[in-house]
């Protein structure tokens, strides 16, 4: 388990859960309990909405606390003055050396200046999970984005249904004004967050399906790898042996393509 002590990331975490629980409060108290009071749709929507929130929280916590794929530090201090005498040994498997971590790192690993470590298949450092998005937690980050997008659309639909419903004459006018105010705030929150996460989700899917992280796009290194089927690339993130229907469940992966825990480079004397 990891936790990055970054002020911006911690503030974003707090803001995320405040926005989430506010949405749950408004939907439950001011929408469902008002519009679906005498209907079975009330309990059904409460259950469904909170189930999505539960899955969202689990996926988010895993993305926050799971090691994204930190490259282990070398047991021996590297002598960088001698690296030029062993170039072929590193180039053979496309390994590189990080002068900041002072360790060897596998292909597609990059250094994060916030985490101050090299991360395998680093996509980017996301303040909304206060962690890097890397090889081991990208699935949960993608799930988090999907659940937020679904929750935002769900909230907007419920708000529209509320506004189209007839107002009970027995309801106090002040209650109607409060419901309207909370609905407007939630509508703005859902619209902004929905568009934001959908944009990030599209970017994530593009990086996965085209097997090229944003860092590799800048370095123009993705084109040198052989092209592989899209479903195979999704399986690398979500688990090849995991049933397709379970790809949206925040459960542990059953297999990974990139595993570099054991390697002679980490204990190699240069």
C-alpha atoms as a PDB file:
ATOM      1  CA  UNK A   1       0.000   0.000   0.000  1.00  0.00           C
ATOM      2  CA  UNK A   2       1.267   3.466  -0.884  1.00  0.00           C
ATOM      3  CA  UNK A   3       0.158   6.989  -0.018  1.00  0.00           C
ATOM      4  CA  UNK A   4       1.763  10.018  -1.613  1.00  0.00           C
ATOM      5  CA  UNK A   5       2.160  12.998   0.719  1.00  0.00           C
ATOM      6  CA  UNK A   6       1.255  15.638  -1.832  1.00  0.00           C
ATOM      7  CA  UNK A   7      -0.813  18.634  -0.680  1.00  0.00           C
ATOM      8  CA  UNK A   8      -2.561  19.105  -4.024  1.00  0.00           C
ATOM      9  CA  UNK A   9      -3.423  15.401  -4.208  1.00  0.00           C
ATOM     10  CA  UNK A  10      -4.802  15.308  -0.658  1.00  0.00           C
ATOM     11  CA  UNK A  11      -6.983  18.377  -1.333  1.00  0.00           C
ATOM     12  CA  UNK A  12      -8.300  16.737  -4.520  1.00  0.00           C
ATOM     13  CA  UNK A  13      -9.120  13.546  -2.586  1.00  0.00           C
ATOM     14  CA  UNK A  14     -11.110  15.497   0.001  1.00  0.00           C
ATOM     15  CA  UNK A  15     -12.933  17.472  -2.692  1.00  0.00           C
ATOM     16  CA  UNK A  16     -13.760  14.271  -4.590  1.00  0.00           C
ATOM     17  CA  UNK A  17     -15.472  12.640  -1.623  1.00  0.00           C
ATOM     18  CA  UNK A  18     -17.264  15.842  -0.603  1.00  0.00           C
ATOM     19  CA  UNK A  19     -18.711  16.110  -4.126  1.00  0.00           C
ATOM     20  CA  UNK A  20     -19.602  12.414  -4.135  1.00  0.00           C
ATOM     21  CA  UNK A  21     -21.412  12.403  -0.810  1.00  0.00           C
ATOM     22  CA  UNK A  22     -23.181  15.666  -1.661  1.00  0.00           C
ATOM     23  CA  UNK A  23     -24.503  14.054  -4.833  1.00  0.00           C
ATOM     24  CA  UNK A  24     -25.720  11.056  -2.832  1.00  0.00           C
ATOM     25  CA  UNK A  25     -27.425  13.360  -0.318  1.00  0.00           C
ATOM     26  CA  UNK A  26     -29.207  15.423  -2.965  1.00  0.00           C
ATOM     27  CA  UNK A  27     -30.339  12.433  -5.029  1.00  0.00           C
ATOM     28  CA  UNK A  28     -31.596  10.503  -1.996  1.00  0.00           C
ATOM     29  CA  UNK A  29     -33.106  13.334   0.059  1.00  0.00           C
ATOM     30  CA  UNK A  30     -34.282  15.895  -2.487  1.00  0.00           C
ATOM     31  CA  UNK A  31     -35.011  13.832  -5.598  1.00  0.00           C
ATOM     32  CA  UNK A  32     -35.872  10.196  -4.917  1.00  0.00           C
ATOM     33  CA  UNK A  33     -37.649  10.744  -1.599  1.00  0.00           C
ATOM     34  CA  UNK A  34     -39.616  13.595  -3.169  1.00  0.00           C
ATOM     35  CA  UNK A  35     -40.602  12.208  -6.572  1.00  0.00           C
ATOM     36  CA  UNK A  36     -40.745   8.439  -5.925  1.00  0.00           C
ATOM     37  CA  UNK A  37     -42.252   8.547  -2.436  1.00  0.00           C
ATOM     38  CA  UNK A  38     -45.119   6.124  -3.096  1.00  0.00           C
ATOM     39  CA  UNK A  39     -43.471   4.018  -5.767  1.00  0.00           C
ATOM     40  CA  UNK A  40     -41.191   0.987  -5.905  1.00  0.00           C
ATOM     41  CA  UNK A  41     -38.943   3.071  -8.143  1.00  0.00           C
ATOM     42  CA  UNK A  42     -37.847   4.909  -4.989  1.00  0.00           C
ATOM     43  CA  UNK A  43     -36.098   1.974  -3.225  1.00  0.00           C
ATOM     44  CA  UNK A  44     -34.847   0.685  -6.597  1.00  0.00           C
ATOM     45  CA  UNK A  45     -33.140   3.978  -7.489  1.00  0.00           C
ATOM     46  CA  UNK A  46     -31.695   4.371  -3.995  1.00  0.00           C
ATOM     47  CA  UNK A  47     -30.218   0.869  -4.198  1.00  0.00           C
ATOM     48  CA  UNK A  48     -28.885   1.308  -7.743  1.00  0.00           C
ATOM     49  CA  UNK A  49     -27.433   4.773  -7.151  1.00  0.00           C
ATOM     50  CA  UNK A  50     -25.657   3.707  -3.959  1.00  0.00           C
ATOM     51  CA  UNK A  51     -24.398   0.498  -5.567  1.00  0.00           C
ATOM     52  CA  UNK A  52     -22.663   2.579  -8.224  1.00  0.00           C
ATOM     53  CA  UNK A  53     -21.224   4.801  -5.482  1.00  0.00           C
ATOM     54  CA  UNK A  54     -19.966   1.720  -3.611  1.00  0.00           C
ATOM     55  CA  UNK A  55     -18.206   0.374  -6.724  1.00  0.00           C
ATOM     56  CA  UNK A  56     -16.821   3.844  -7.447  1.00  0.00           C
ATOM     57  CA  UNK A  57     -15.365   4.179  -3.941  1.00  0.00           C
ATOM     58  CA  UNK A  58     -13.769   0.702  -4.039  1.00  0.00           C
ATOM     59  CA  UNK A  59     -12.200   1.374  -7.460  1.00  0.00           C
ATOM     60  CA  UNK A  60     -11.016   4.810  -6.341  1.00  0.00           C
ATOM     61  CA  UNK A  61      -9.465   3.549  -3.091  1.00  0.00           C
ATOM     62  CA  UNK A  62      -7.621   0.829  -4.985  1.00  0.00           C
ATOM     63  CA  UNK A  63      -6.321   3.378  -7.483  1.00  0.00           C
ATOM     64  CA  UNK A  64      -5.229   5.591  -4.575  1.00  0.00           C
ATOM     65  CA  UNK A  65      -3.506   3.051  -2.336  1.00  0.00           C
ATOM     66  CA  UNK A  66      -2.329   0.348  -4.744  1.00  0.00           C
ATOM     67  CA  UNK A  67       1.303   0.477  -5.820  1.00  0.00           C
ATOM     68  CA  UNK A  68       1.076   1.657  -9.463  1.00  0.00           C
ATOM     69  CA  UNK A  69       4.163  -0.354 -10.384  1.00  0.00           C
ATOM     70  CA  UNK A  70       7.114   1.206  -8.595  1.00  0.00           C
ATOM     71  CA  UNK A  71      10.466  -0.028  -9.897  1.00  0.00           C
ATOM     72  CA  UNK A  72      12.472  -1.579  -7.022  1.00  0.00           C
ATOM     73  CA  UNK A  73      15.638   0.274  -6.107  1.00  0.00           C
ATOM     74  CA  UNK A  74      18.969  -1.377  -6.840  1.00  0.00           C
ATOM     75  CA  UNK A  75      20.599  -3.096  -3.881  1.00  0.00           C
ATOM     76  CA  UNK A  76      23.970  -1.730  -5.001  1.00  0.00           C
ATOM     77  CA  UNK A  77      24.784   1.922  -5.590  1.00  0.00           C
ATOM     78  CA  UNK A  78      25.375   2.476  -9.302  1.00  0.00           C
ATOM     79  CA  UNK A  79      28.615   3.870 -10.586  1.00  0.00           C
ATOM     80  CA  UNK A  80      27.470   6.041 -13.477  1.00  0.00           C
ATOM     81  CA  UNK A  81      31.011   6.703 -14.606  1.00  0.00           C
ATOM     82  CA  UNK A  82      31.199   3.101 -15.852  1.00  0.00           C
ATOM     83  CA  UNK A  83      27.875   2.943 -17.686  1.00  0.00           C
ATOM     84  CA  UNK A  84      29.492   3.687 -21.041  1.00  0.00           C
ATOM     85  CA  UNK A  85      31.456   0.437 -20.801  1.00  0.00           C
ATOM     86  CA  UNK A  86      28.238  -1.697 -20.724  1.00  0.00           C
ATOM     87  CA  UNK A  87      25.922  -0.128 -23.347  1.00  0.00           C
ATOM     88  CA  UNK A  88      24.973  -3.356 -25.141  1.00  0.00           C
ATOM     89  CA  UNK A  89      23.917  -5.034 -21.908  1.00  0.00           C
ATOM     90  CA  UNK A  90      21.275  -2.368 -21.334  1.00  0.00           C
ATOM     91  CA  UNK A  91      20.193  -1.956 -24.944  1.00  0.00           C
ATOM     92  CA  UNK A  92      19.558  -5.690 -25.342  1.00  0.00           C
ATOM     93  CA  UNK A  93      16.248  -5.559 -23.456  1.00  0.00           C
ATOM     94  CA  UNK A  94      15.648  -1.801 -23.816  1.00  0.00           C
ATOM     95  CA  UNK A  95      16.443  -1.176 -20.178  1.00  0.00           C
ATOM     96  CA  UNK A  96      17.496   2.305 -19.140  1.00  0.00           C
ATOM     97  CA  UNK A  97      19.075   3.933 -16.115  1.00  0.00           C
ATOM     98  CA  UNK A  98      17.379   6.552 -13.947  1.00  0.00           C
ATOM     99  CA  UNK A  99      19.968   8.916 -12.521  1.00  0.00           C
ATOM    100  CA  UNK A 100      17.466  10.266  -9.975  1.00  0.00           C
ATOM    101  CA  UNK A 101      16.471   6.868  -8.558  1.00  0.00           C
ATOM    102  CA  UNK A 102      19.981   5.545  -9.243  1.00  0.00           C
ATOM    103  CA  UNK A 103      18.613   2.249 -10.481  1.00  0.00           C
ATOM    104  CA  UNK A 104      17.968   0.290 -13.656  1.00  0.00           C
ATOM    105  CA  UNK A 105      14.425   0.461 -14.983  1.00  0.00           C
ATOM    106  CA  UNK A 106      12.577  -1.841 -17.417  1.00  0.00           C
ATOM    107  CA  UNK A 107      11.151  -0.791 -20.796  1.00  0.00           C
ATOM    108  CA  UNK A 108       8.303   1.760 -20.662  1.00  0.00           C
ATOM    109  CA  UNK A 109       9.136   2.816 -17.093  1.00  0.00           C
ATOM    110  CA  UNK A 110       9.485   6.528 -16.404  1.00  0.00           C
ATOM    111  CA  UNK A 111      10.323   8.739 -13.441  1.00  0.00           C
ATOM    112  CA  UNK A 112       7.572  10.642 -11.597  1.00  0.00           C
ATOM    113  CA  UNK A 113       8.788  13.892 -10.085  1.00  0.00           C
ATOM    114  CA  UNK A 114       5.956  13.922  -7.509  1.00  0.00           C
ATOM    115  CA  UNK A 115       6.284  10.314  -6.323  1.00  0.00           C
ATOM    116  CA  UNK A 116      10.081  10.601  -6.802  1.00  0.00           C
ATOM    117  CA  UNK A 117      10.253   7.039  -8.124  1.00  0.00           C
ATOM    118  CA  UNK A 118      10.225   5.287 -11.485  1.00  0.00           C
ATOM    119  CA  UNK A 119       6.851   3.725 -12.374  1.00  0.00           C
ATOM    120  CA  UNK A 120       6.323   0.859 -14.819  1.00  0.00           C
ATOM    121  CA  UNK A 121       4.250   1.890 -17.831  1.00  0.00           C
ATOM    122  CA  UNK A 122       3.661   5.326 -16.326  1.00  0.00           C
ATOM    123  CA  UNK A 123       0.696   7.115 -17.887  1.00  0.00           C
ATOM    124  CA  UNK A 124       0.617  10.226 -15.714  1.00  0.00           C
ATOM    125  CA  UNK A 125       0.404  11.370 -12.095  1.00  0.00           C
ATOM    126  CA  UNK A 126      -3.235  12.112 -11.266  1.00  0.00           C
ATOM    127  CA  UNK A 127      -4.035  14.429  -8.314  1.00  0.00           C
ATOM    128  CA  UNK A 128      -7.606  13.045  -8.175  1.00  0.00           C
ATOM    129  CA  UNK A 129      -6.229   9.718  -6.942  1.00  0.00           C
ATOM    130  CA  UNK A 130      -3.103  11.280  -5.380  1.00  0.00           C
ATOM    131  CA  UNK A 131      -1.085   8.607  -7.137  1.00  0.00           C
ATOM    132  CA  UNK A 132       0.474   7.701 -10.439  1.00  0.00           C
ATOM    133  CA  UNK A 133      -1.549   5.841 -13.056  1.00  0.00           C
ATOM    134  CA  UNK A 134       0.686   2.938 -13.961  1.00  0.00           C
ATOM    135  CA  UNK A 135       0.828  -0.737 -14.806  1.00  0.00           C
ATOM    136  CA  UNK A 136      -0.845  -2.063 -11.665  1.00  0.00           C
ATOM    137  CA  UNK A 137      -3.629   0.444 -10.988  1.00  0.00           C
ATOM    138  CA  UNK A 138      -4.694   1.640 -14.451  1.00  0.00           C
ATOM    139  CA  UNK A 139      -7.664  -0.747 -14.438  1.00  0.00           C
ATOM    140  CA  UNK A 140      -9.046   0.773 -11.229  1.00  0.00           C
ATOM    141  CA  UNK A 141      -8.442   4.317 -12.454  1.00  0.00           C
ATOM    142  CA  UNK A 142     -10.361   3.545 -15.642  1.00  0.00           C
ATOM    143  CA  UNK A 143     -13.188   1.995 -13.605  1.00  0.00           C
ATOM    144  CA  UNK A 144     -13.291   5.103 -11.413  1.00  0.00           C
ATOM    145  CA  UNK A 145     -13.736   7.268 -14.507  1.00  0.00           C
ATOM    146  CA  UNK A 146     -16.492   5.021 -15.873  1.00  0.00           C
ATOM    147  CA  UNK A 147     -18.420   5.029 -12.578  1.00  0.00           C
ATOM    148  CA  UNK A 148     -18.168   8.816 -12.220  1.00  0.00           C
ATOM    149  CA  UNK A 149     -19.420   9.240 -15.792  1.00  0.00           C
ATOM    150  CA  UNK A 150     -22.343   6.847 -15.195  1.00  0.00           C
ATOM    151  CA  UNK A 151     -23.176   8.563 -11.898  1.00  0.00           C
ATOM    152  CA  UNK A 152     -23.151  11.999 -13.546  1.00  0.00           C
ATOM    153  CA  UNK A 153     -25.509  10.876 -16.346  1.00  0.00           C
ATOM    154  CA  UNK A 154     -27.745   9.084 -13.823  1.00  0.00           C
ATOM    155  CA  UNK A 155     -27.974  12.236 -11.673  1.00  0.00           C
ATOM    156  CA  UNK A 156     -28.864  14.419 -14.657  1.00  0.00           C
ATOM    157  CA  UNK A 157     -31.621  12.000 -15.710  1.00  0.00           C
ATOM    158  CA  UNK A 158     -33.092  11.997 -12.196  1.00  0.00           C
ATOM    159  CA  UNK A 159     -32.979  15.798 -12.049  1.00  0.00           C
ATOM    160  CA  UNK A 160     -34.804  16.090 -15.377  1.00  0.00           C
ATOM    161  CA  UNK A 161     -37.449  13.606 -14.167  1.00  0.00           C
ATOM    162  CA  UNK A 162     -37.861  15.700 -11.020  1.00  0.00           C
ATOM    163  CA  UNK A 163     -38.417  18.905 -12.980  1.00  0.00           C
ATOM    164  CA  UNK A 164     -40.919  17.190 -15.289  1.00  0.00           C
ATOM    165  CA  UNK A 165     -42.919  15.757 -12.384  1.00  0.00           C
ATOM    166  CA  UNK A 166     -45.965  17.494 -11.010  1.00  0.00           C
ATOM    167  CA  UNK A 167     -45.422  19.444  -7.813  1.00  0.00           C
ATOM    168  CA  UNK A 168     -47.466  18.288  -4.836  1.00  0.00           C
ATOM    169  CA  UNK A 169     -49.561  21.200  -3.586  1.00  0.00           C
ATOM    170  CA  UNK A 170     -49.114  19.981  -0.010  1.00  0.00           C
ATOM    171  CA  UNK A 171     -45.369  20.505  -0.156  1.00  0.00           C
ATOM    172  CA  UNK A 172     -44.138  23.643   1.575  1.00  0.00           C
ATOM    173  CA  UNK A 173     -42.872  26.344  -0.793  1.00  0.00           C
ATOM    174  CA  UNK A 174     -39.596  26.550   1.093  1.00  0.00           C
ATOM    175  CA  UNK A 175     -39.055  22.812   0.516  1.00  0.00           C
ATOM    176  CA  UNK A 176     -39.615  23.301  -3.216  1.00  0.00           C
ATOM    177  CA  UNK A 177     -37.046  26.115  -3.302  1.00  0.00           C
ATOM    178  CA  UNK A 178     -34.476  23.994  -1.442  1.00  0.00           C
ATOM    179  CA  UNK A 179     -35.045  21.095  -3.821  1.00  0.00           C
ATOM    180  CA  UNK A 180     -34.632  23.382  -6.805  1.00  0.00           C
ATOM    181  CA  UNK A 181     -31.435  24.922  -5.407  1.00  0.00           C
ATOM    182  CA  UNK A 182     -29.843  21.547  -4.641  1.00  0.00           C
ATOM    183  CA  UNK A 183     -30.924  20.223  -8.035  1.00  0.00           C
ATOM    184  CA  UNK A 184     -29.291  23.120  -9.873  1.00  0.00           C
ATOM    185  CA  UNK A 185     -26.042  22.728  -7.914  1.00  0.00           C
ATOM    186  CA  UNK A 186     -26.026  18.974  -8.579  1.00  0.00           C
ATOM    187  CA  UNK A 187     -26.797  19.552 -12.260  1.00  0.00           C
ATOM    188  CA  UNK A 188     -23.775  21.848 -12.580  1.00  0.00           C
ATOM    189  CA  UNK A 189     -21.598  19.425 -10.630  1.00  0.00           C
ATOM    190  CA  UNK A 190     -22.714  16.441 -12.716  1.00  0.00           C
ATOM    191  CA  UNK A 191     -22.279  18.296 -15.995  1.00  0.00           C
ATOM    192  CA  UNK A 192     -18.789  19.577 -15.206  1.00  0.00           C
ATOM    193  CA  UNK A 193     -17.498  16.351 -13.656  1.00  0.00           C
ATOM    194  CA  UNK A 194     -19.196  14.263 -16.333  1.00  0.00           C
ATOM    195  CA  UNK A 195     -17.547  16.104 -19.224  1.00  0.00           C
ATOM    196  CA  UNK A 196     -14.209  16.160 -17.399  1.00  0.00           C
ATOM    197  CA  UNK A 197     -14.029  12.424 -16.671  1.00  0.00           C
ATOM    198  CA  UNK A 198     -15.393  11.456 -20.093  1.00  0.00           C
ATOM    199  CA  UNK A 199     -12.562  13.426 -21.711  1.00  0.00           C
ATOM    200  CA  UNK A 200      -9.991  11.692 -19.487  1.00  0.00           C
ATOM    201  CA  UNK A 201     -11.628   8.301 -20.084  1.00  0.00           C
ATOM    202  CA  UNK A 202     -11.410   8.744 -23.862  1.00  0.00           C
ATOM    203  CA  UNK A 203      -7.744   9.650 -23.473  1.00  0.00           C
ATOM    204  CA  UNK A 204      -7.133   6.566 -21.318  1.00  0.00           C
ATOM    205  CA  UNK A 205      -8.867   4.252 -23.782  1.00  0.00           C
ATOM    206  CA  UNK A 206      -6.862   5.752 -26.626  1.00  0.00           C
ATOM    207  CA  UNK A 207      -3.615   5.145 -24.726  1.00  0.00           C
ATOM    208  CA  UNK A 208      -4.615   1.533 -23.973  1.00  0.00           C
ATOM    209  CA  UNK A 209      -5.991   0.589 -27.390  1.00  0.00           C
ATOM    210  CA  UNK A 210      -3.088   2.176 -29.254  1.00  0.00           C
ATOM    211  CA  UNK A 211      -0.532   0.876 -26.735  1.00  0.00           C
ATOM    212  CA  UNK A 212       1.041   4.272 -26.245  1.00  0.00           C
ATOM    213  CA  UNK A 213       1.158   6.345 -23.074  1.00  0.00           C
ATOM    214  CA  UNK A 214       1.164  10.175 -23.236  1.00  0.00           C
ATOM    215  CA  UNK A 215       4.866  10.173 -22.315  1.00  0.00           C
ATOM    216  CA  UNK A 216       5.616   7.799 -25.184  1.00  0.00           C
ATOM    217  CA  UNK A 217       3.573   9.979 -27.537  1.00  0.00           C
ATOM    218  CA  UNK A 218       5.796  12.927 -26.667  1.00  0.00           C
ATOM    219  CA  UNK A 219       8.905  10.787 -27.114  1.00  0.00           C
ATOM    220  CA  UNK A 220       7.469   9.235 -30.325  1.00  0.00           C
ATOM    221  CA  UNK A 221       8.410   5.753 -29.177  1.00  0.00           C
ATOM    222  CA  UNK A 222       5.102   3.895 -29.496  1.00  0.00           C
ATOM    223  CA  UNK A 223       5.403   3.294 -33.253  1.00  0.00           C
ATOM    224  CA  UNK A 224       8.405   1.020 -32.735  1.00  0.00           C
ATOM    225  CA  UNK A 225       6.318  -1.676 -31.004  1.00  0.00           C
ATOM    226  CA  UNK A 226       4.413  -4.325 -32.969  1.00  0.00           C
ATOM    227  CA  UNK A 227       0.675  -3.732 -33.310  1.00  0.00           C
ATOM    228  CA  UNK A 228      -1.529  -6.086 -31.295  1.00  0.00           C
ATOM    229  CA  UNK A 229      -5.314  -6.700 -31.229  1.00  0.00           C
ATOM    230  CA  UNK A 230      -7.343  -4.136 -29.296  1.00  0.00           C
ATOM    231  CA  UNK A 231      -9.002  -6.735 -27.065  1.00  0.00           C
ATOM    232  CA  UNK A 232      -5.585  -8.154 -26.195  1.00  0.00           C
ATOM    233  CA  UNK A 233      -4.407  -4.704 -25.138  1.00  0.00           C
ATOM    234  CA  UNK A 234      -7.535  -4.216 -23.001  1.00  0.00           C
ATOM    235  CA  UNK A 235      -6.872  -7.640 -21.504  1.00  0.00           C
ATOM    236  CA  UNK A 236      -3.407  -6.523 -20.442  1.00  0.00           C
ATOM    237  CA  UNK A 237      -5.023  -3.826 -18.326  1.00  0.00           C
ATOM    238  CA  UNK A 238      -8.179  -5.623 -17.148  1.00  0.00           C
ATOM    239  CA  UNK A 239      -6.893  -9.212 -17.043  1.00  0.00           C
ATOM    240  CA  UNK A 240      -6.772 -11.768 -19.860  1.00  0.00           C
ATOM    241  CA  UNK A 241      -8.260 -14.519 -17.712  1.00  0.00           C
ATOM    242  CA  UNK A 242     -10.897 -12.270 -16.202  1.00  0.00           C
ATOM    243  CA  UNK A 243     -14.346 -12.624 -17.849  1.00  0.00           C
ATOM    244  CA  UNK A 244     -15.256  -9.629 -19.999  1.00  0.00           C
ATOM    245  CA  UNK A 245     -18.305  -8.867 -17.824  1.00  0.00           C
ATOM    246  CA  UNK A 246     -16.018  -8.563 -14.789  1.00  0.00           C
ATOM    247  CA  UNK A 247     -13.783  -5.923 -16.344  1.00  0.00           C
ATOM    248  CA  UNK A 248     -15.898  -3.230 -14.689  1.00  0.00           C
ATOM    249  CA  UNK A 249     -15.746  -4.856 -11.245  1.00  0.00           C
ATOM    250  CA  UNK A 250     -13.003  -3.547  -8.909  1.00  0.00           C
ATOM    251  CA  UNK A 251     -11.530  -6.997  -8.246  1.00  0.00           C
ATOM    252  CA  UNK A 252      -7.900  -8.083  -8.390  1.00  0.00           C
ATOM    253  CA  UNK A 253      -6.247  -8.887 -11.687  1.00  0.00           C
ATOM    254  CA  UNK A 254      -5.508 -12.525 -12.413  1.00  0.00           C
ATOM    255  CA  UNK A 255      -2.546 -11.932 -14.704  1.00  0.00           C
ATOM    256  CA  UNK A 256      -0.284  -9.231 -16.055  1.00  0.00           C
ATOM    257  CA  UNK A 257       1.822  -8.995 -19.169  1.00  0.00           C
ATOM    258  CA  UNK A 258       4.542  -6.845 -17.709  1.00  0.00           C
ATOM    259  CA  UNK A 259       6.209  -8.245 -14.600  1.00  0.00           C
ATOM    260  CA  UNK A 260       9.690  -7.076 -13.712  1.00  0.00           C
ATOM    261  CA  UNK A 261       9.956  -7.892 -10.021  1.00  0.00           C
ATOM    262  CA  UNK A 262      12.780 -10.371 -10.506  1.00  0.00           C
ATOM    263  CA  UNK A 263      15.631  -9.277 -12.723  1.00  0.00           C
ATOM    264  CA  UNK A 264      19.377  -9.541 -12.668  1.00  0.00           C
ATOM    265  CA  UNK A 265      19.726  -5.839 -13.466  1.00  0.00           C
ATOM    266  CA  UNK A 266      18.601  -4.784  -9.995  1.00  0.00           C
ATOM    267  CA  UNK A 267      21.484  -6.570  -8.338  1.00  0.00           C
ATOM    268  CA  UNK A 268      23.978  -6.169 -11.168  1.00  0.00           C
ATOM    269  CA  UNK A 269      27.257  -4.423 -10.514  1.00  0.00           C
ATOM    270  CA  UNK A 270      28.016  -1.975 -13.261  1.00  0.00           C
END
